[in-house]
Amino acid sequence: MTEQAEPRSNTRIALDANALATLYAAPEILRVVNVWDAVSARVVSELPGTRAIATAGHGIAASHGYPDGERIPLQLMIDALERIVRATELPVTADLDGGFGDVRETVRRAIAVGVCGANIEDQLRPLGESVDVMRAALETGEQEGVPFVLNARTDALVKGGDRPRAESIDDAIERGRAYLEAGARCVFVPGVLDERETRTLVEGIGDRRISVIGLPGALTAAEYEALGVARISYGPMPQNVALTALKRLGESLLSDGTIPEDTEKLNDF
């Protein structure tokens, strides 16, 4: 069994935050393979290319039997974050959905368990209200002595409804600029973005200021990097891939299959 790390002090969390901010600003795109529990965090942390750990809120909720969208009790989410932080030495940035109704308290509790940054959704609230939410998250970090690294998420595309795509892109740019002005380090624009849309967003919000998601049909990480994107994450997809593998294995075993000989032991805690 592998011994888990001790709780992180706010001084250590501040160092993690500085390291994470540097990764966002680097010419190379930050690739984060989202995790949902301690063992997935340990496996991803041990990969040579991993520089930071990002949690998937959807994945954590699903692993506890809850749907996405702040349906999981906040304390369960915080407990999961604490186990993930203790399973790695890398900076941990968390998916905190829309702030669970009290973004200051949510960020404070996330920092208390070692988290140094977060995605926080605007959920397409009115712009002024959304800016207040992002600013509150950052102010909480300052109060805790942590330069909290906010990857401010705008749902301009995924919740844009039937409005023209170009209008949603313009809305994402307006919101993204406002969040950066409030102190966010990066702006997360989820959705499958093609080259033209990505270029427009980067030109409108800033070089190395855009975060994207790698869904089926998206560009590659290298292509996004060449366009000036700062970060690519994969949301619930790593968990979906893992569960698909489990399903396929179960089907094989239930039809008299065997465990593949090249199976690694990756759950050594």
Protein backbone atom coordinates (compact mmCIF):
# COMPACT_ATOMS: atom_id res chain seq x y z
CA MET A 1 0.00 0.00 0.00
CA THR A 2 1.32 3.42 -0.95
CA GLU A 3 1.35 6.04 1.79
CA GLN A 4 -0.69 9.11 0.94
CA ALA A 5 0.75 12.62 1.21
CA GLU A 6 0.24 14.85 4.21
CA PRO A 7 -2.25 17.75 4.01
CA ARG A 8 -0.88 20.74 2.11
CA SER A 9 -0.24 24.02 3.87
CA ASN A 10 -1.50 27.26 2.32
CA THR A 11 2.12 28.12 1.58
CA ARG A 12 2.47 24.90 -0.41
CA ILE A 13 -0.87 25.50 -2.15
CA ALA A 14 0.30 28.99 -3.13
CA LEU A 15 3.41 27.43 -4.70
CA ASP A 16 1.19 24.97 -6.56
CA ALA A 17 -0.91 27.87 -7.83
CA ASN A 18 2.15 29.71 -9.11
CA ALA A 19 3.32 26.54 -10.86
CA LEU A 20 -0.10 26.03 -12.44
CA ALA A 21 -0.27 29.62 -13.67
CA THR A 22 3.15 29.18 -15.25
CA LEU A 23 1.91 26.07 -17.08
CA TYR A 24 -1.03 28.03 -18.49
CA ALA A 25 1.27 30.78 -19.75
CA ALA A 26 3.84 28.44 -21.34
CA PRO A 27 4.08 28.16 -25.15
CA GLU A 28 3.23 24.45 -24.88
CA ILE A 29 -0.44 23.62 -24.36
CA LEU A 30 -1.20 22.21 -20.92
CA ARG A 31 -2.72 18.76 -21.38
CA VAL A 32 -4.72 17.50 -18.41
CA VAL A 33 -6.29 14.04 -18.29
CA ASN A 34 -9.25 14.50 -15.95
CA VAL A 35 -9.52 12.25 -12.90
CA TRP A 36 -12.40 11.39 -10.59
CA ASP A 37 -10.91 9.57 -7.58
CA ALA A 38 -7.66 8.79 -5.81
CA VAL A 39 -6.64 5.82 -7.92
CA SER A 40 -7.28 7.58 -11.24
CA ALA A 41 -5.29 10.54 -9.90
CA ARG A 42 -2.41 8.25 -8.96
CA VAL A 43 -2.36 6.53 -12.37
CA VAL A 44 -2.45 9.82 -14.30
CA SER A 45 0.11 11.46 -12.00
CA GLU A 46 2.63 8.73 -12.79
CA LEU A 47 2.47 9.34 -16.54
CA PRO A 48 5.65 11.12 -17.71
CA GLY A 49 3.80 13.92 -19.52
CA THR A 50 1.53 14.89 -16.62
CA ARG A 51 2.24 18.36 -15.19
CA ALA A 52 -0.99 18.99 -13.25
CA ILE A 53 -4.10 17.15 -12.14
CA ALA A 54 -7.59 18.31 -13.09
CA THR A 55 -10.73 16.78 -11.68
CA ALA A 56 -13.93 16.10 -13.60
CA GLY A 57 -16.98 17.19 -11.63
CA HIS A 58 -19.21 14.96 -13.73
CA GLY A 59 -16.92 12.01 -13.07
CA ILE A 60 -16.79 12.57 -9.31
CA ALA A 61 -20.57 12.92 -9.14
CA ALA A 62 -21.10 9.77 -11.21
CA SER A 63 -18.70 7.76 -9.06
CA HIS A 64 -20.93 8.57 -6.07
CA GLY A 65 -24.16 7.82 -7.92
CA TYR A 66 -25.22 11.41 -8.64
CA PRO A 67 -25.99 13.16 -11.94
CA ASP A 68 -23.93 16.15 -13.02
CA GLY A 69 -24.93 19.71 -12.21
CA GLU A 70 -24.28 20.27 -8.49
CA ARG A 71 -26.53 17.37 -7.52
CA ILE A 72 -23.80 15.75 -5.45
CA PRO A 73 -23.66 17.11 -1.87
CA LEU A 74 -20.82 19.62 -1.59
CA GLN A 75 -19.20 17.77 1.30
CA LEU A 76 -18.96 14.60 -0.77
CA MET A 77 -17.30 16.59 -3.54
CA ILE A 78 -14.83 18.18 -1.12
CA ASP A 79 -14.03 14.79 0.44
CA ALA A 80 -13.30 13.41 -3.03
CA LEU A 81 -11.05 16.37 -3.79
CA GLU A 82 -9.12 15.80 -0.59
CA ARG A 83 -8.45 12.16 -1.48
CA ILE A 84 -7.31 13.18 -4.96
CA VAL A 85 -4.94 15.83 -3.59
CA ARG A 86 -3.42 13.33 -1.17
CA ALA A 87 -2.86 10.85 -4.00
CA THR A 88 -0.51 13.17 -5.94
CA GLU A 89 2.31 15.65 -5.49
CA LEU A 90 1.21 17.70 -8.50
CA PRO A 91 -0.90 20.88 -8.47
CA VAL A 92 -4.60 20.07 -8.42
CA THR A 93 -7.25 22.18 -10.14
CA ALA A 94 -10.86 21.24 -9.51
CA ASP A 95 -14.12 21.39 -11.39
CA LEU A 96 -16.35 23.29 -8.97
CA ASP A 97 -19.37 23.55 -11.31
CA GLY A 98 -21.09 26.91 -10.72
CA GLY A 99 -19.92 27.28 -7.13
CA PHE A 100 -22.62 25.20 -5.39
CA GLY A 101 -24.68 28.25 -4.49
CA ASP A 102 -21.95 29.90 -2.40
CA VAL A 103 -18.78 30.26 -4.42
CA ARG A 104 -16.80 31.84 -1.58
CA GLU A 105 -17.49 28.97 0.80
CA THR A 106 -16.92 26.38 -1.91
CA VAL A 107 -13.54 27.81 -2.91
CA ARG A 108 -12.52 28.22 0.73
CA ARG A 109 -13.28 24.55 1.41
CA ALA A 110 -11.52 23.44 -1.77
CA ILE A 111 -8.38 25.37 -0.80
CA ALA A 112 -8.57 23.87 2.68
CA VAL A 113 -8.07 20.39 1.19
CA GLY A 114 -5.22 21.46 -1.10
CA VAL A 115 -6.81 22.64 -4.36
CA CYS A 116 -4.95 25.54 -6.01
CA GLY A 117 -7.25 26.39 -8.92
CA ALA A 118 -10.64 25.66 -10.41
CA ASN A 119 -13.07 25.74 -13.27
CA ILE A 120 -16.16 27.72 -12.30
CA GLU A 121 -19.11 27.93 -14.69
CA ASP A 122 -20.99 31.09 -15.53
CA GLN A 123 -24.03 28.94 -16.39
CA LEU A 124 -25.00 31.76 -18.75
CA ARG A 125 -26.05 34.00 -15.88
CA PRO A 126 -26.28 37.73 -16.69
CA LEU A 127 -22.77 39.01 -17.35
CA GLY A 128 -22.55 41.27 -14.31
CA GLU A 129 -23.66 38.48 -12.00
CA SER A 130 -21.20 36.08 -13.63
CA VAL A 131 -18.32 38.52 -13.16
CA ASP A 132 -19.24 38.84 -9.49
CA VAL A 133 -19.06 35.05 -9.08
CA MET A 134 -15.62 34.88 -10.69
CA ARG A 135 -14.34 37.83 -8.68
CA ALA A 136 -15.65 36.29 -5.45
CA ALA A 137 -13.72 33.09 -6.13
CA LEU A 138 -10.50 35.04 -6.65
CA GLU A 139 -11.04 37.22 -3.60
CA THR A 140 -11.48 34.10 -1.49
CA GLY A 141 -8.12 32.85 -2.70
CA GLU A 142 -6.51 36.15 -1.73
CA GLN A 143 -8.07 35.92 1.73
CA GLU A 144 -6.60 32.43 2.12
CA GLY A 145 -3.16 33.55 0.93
CA VAL A 146 -3.43 31.59 -2.32
CA PRO A 147 -3.19 33.15 -5.82
CA PHE A 148 -6.09 30.94 -6.89
CA VAL A 149 -5.85 30.02 -10.58
CA LEU A 150 -9.29 30.50 -12.08
CA ASN A 151 -10.15 28.85 -15.39
CA ALA A 152 -13.41 30.76 -15.81
CA ARG A 153 -15.87 28.69 -17.80
CA THR A 154 -18.41 30.30 -20.07
CA ASP A 155 -21.37 28.25 -21.21
CA ALA A 156 -21.99 30.61 -24.13
CA LEU A 157 -21.72 27.73 -26.62
CA VAL A 158 -23.08 24.74 -24.73
CA LYS A 159 -26.10 26.64 -23.41
CA GLY A 160 -26.56 29.00 -26.32
CA GLY A 161 -29.71 27.21 -27.46
CA ASP A 162 -30.95 28.01 -30.95
CA ARG A 163 -29.16 31.32 -31.36
CA PRO A 164 -26.66 31.56 -34.24
CA ARG A 165 -23.27 30.02 -33.53
CA ALA A 166 -21.50 33.29 -34.38
CA GLU A 167 -23.59 35.09 -31.74
CA SER A 168 -22.53 32.54 -29.14
CA ILE A 169 -18.88 32.99 -30.10
CA ASP A 170 -19.24 36.76 -29.70
CA ASP A 171 -20.87 36.24 -26.31
CA ALA A 172 -18.02 33.93 -25.24
CA ILE A 173 -15.50 36.61 -26.20
CA GLU A 174 -17.34 39.34 -24.30
CA ARG A 175 -17.65 37.16 -21.22
CA GLY A 176 -14.10 35.89 -21.49
CA ARG A 177 -12.66 39.40 -21.60
CA ALA A 178 -14.72 40.37 -18.57
CA TYR A 179 -13.52 37.34 -16.59
CA LEU A 180 -9.89 38.04 -17.44
CA GLU A 181 -10.34 41.63 -16.34
CA ALA A 182 -11.75 40.32 -13.05
CA GLY A 183 -8.56 38.29 -12.57
CA ALA A 184 -9.15 34.90 -14.17
CA ARG A 185 -6.04 33.29 -15.61
CA CYS A 186 -7.82 31.51 -18.45
CA VAL A 187 -11.25 31.21 -20.07
CA PHE A 188 -12.74 27.77 -20.66
CA VAL A 189 -15.03 27.57 -23.69
CA PRO A 190 -16.41 24.01 -23.81
CA GLY A 191 -17.78 22.65 -27.06
CA VAL A 192 -16.31 21.13 -30.22
CA LEU A 193 -14.34 24.03 -31.72
CA ASP A 194 -13.03 23.99 -35.27
CA GLU A 195 -9.97 25.89 -36.46
CA ARG A 196 -11.85 29.02 -37.52
CA GLU A 197 -13.80 29.29 -34.27
CA THR A 198 -10.72 28.67 -32.17
CA ARG A 199 -8.77 31.32 -34.03
CA THR A 200 -11.62 33.80 -33.51
CA LEU A 201 -11.76 33.06 -29.78
CA VAL A 202 -8.00 33.38 -29.35
CA GLU A 203 -7.94 36.65 -31.28
CA GLY A 204 -10.86 37.96 -29.22
CA ILE A 205 -9.80 36.80 -25.76
CA GLY A 206 -6.04 36.44 -25.98
CA ASP A 207 -3.12 34.18 -26.79
CA ARG A 208 -2.65 31.43 -24.17
CA ARG A 209 -5.85 32.57 -22.50
CA ILE A 210 -8.25 29.97 -23.91
CA SER A 211 -9.01 26.54 -22.49
CA VAL A 212 -10.79 23.91 -24.60
CA ILE A 213 -12.16 20.40 -24.22
CA GLY A 214 -11.04 17.44 -26.29
CA LEU A 215 -14.30 15.79 -27.30
CA PRO A 216 -14.80 13.44 -30.26
CA GLY A 217 -14.62 15.59 -33.38
CA ALA A 218 -12.37 18.24 -31.83
CA LEU A 219 -8.94 19.22 -33.09
CA THR A 220 -5.83 17.56 -31.67
CA ALA A 221 -3.94 19.09 -28.77
CA ALA A 222 -1.08 20.01 -31.13
CA GLU A 223 -3.48 21.79 -33.49
CA TYR A 224 -5.00 23.77 -30.64
CA GLU A 225 -1.52 24.62 -29.36
CA ALA A 226 -0.56 26.05 -32.76
CA LEU A 227 -3.65 28.28 -32.59
CA GLY A 228 -2.64 29.76 -29.23
CA VAL A 229 -4.75 27.68 -26.82
CA ALA A 230 -3.44 27.41 -23.25
CA ARG A 231 -5.05 24.22 -21.99
CA ILE A 232 -6.93 21.17 -23.18
CA SER A 233 -8.88 18.92 -20.84
CA TYR A 234 -11.18 15.98 -21.49
CA GLY A 235 -13.99 16.29 -18.95
CA PRO A 236 -15.87 13.03 -18.34
CA MET A 237 -14.35 11.29 -21.37
CA PRO A 238 -11.48 9.50 -19.52
CA GLN A 239 -14.01 7.99 -17.12
CA ASN A 240 -16.25 7.06 -20.06
CA VAL A 241 -13.33 5.32 -21.74
CA ALA A 242 -12.47 3.46 -18.52
CA LEU A 243 -16.07 2.36 -18.04
CA THR A 244 -16.28 1.25 -21.68
CA ALA A 245 -13.21 -0.92 -21.10
CA LEU A 246 -14.84 -2.36 -17.97
CA LYS A 247 -18.03 -3.08 -19.91
CA ARG A 248 -16.10 -4.83 -22.68
CA LEU A 249 -14.15 -6.88 -20.14
CA GLY A 250 -17.33 -7.82 -18.32
CA GLU A 251 -18.91 -8.98 -21.56
CA SER A 252 -15.85 -11.09 -22.28
CA LEU A 253 -15.66 -12.62 -18.80
CA LEU A 254 -19.37 -13.40 -18.75
CA SER A 255 -18.93 -15.29 -22.02
CA ASP A 256 -16.06 -17.38 -20.61
CA GLY A 257 -13.26 -15.00 -21.45
CA THR A 258 -10.07 -14.48 -19.45
CA ILE A 259 -8.23 -11.52 -17.99
CA PRO A 260 -5.73 -10.21 -20.60
CA GLU A 261 -2.16 -11.23 -19.76
CA ASP A 262 -0.83 -7.70 -20.26
CA THR A 263 -3.11 -6.27 -17.55
CA GLU A 264 -1.16 -3.99 -15.21
CA LYS A 265 -1.67 -3.68 -11.49
CA LEU A 266 -2.48 0.02 -11.17
CA ASN A 267 -4.49 0.15 -7.96
CA ASP A 268 -1.65 -0.37 -5.46
CA PHE A 269 -2.59 1.91 -2.56
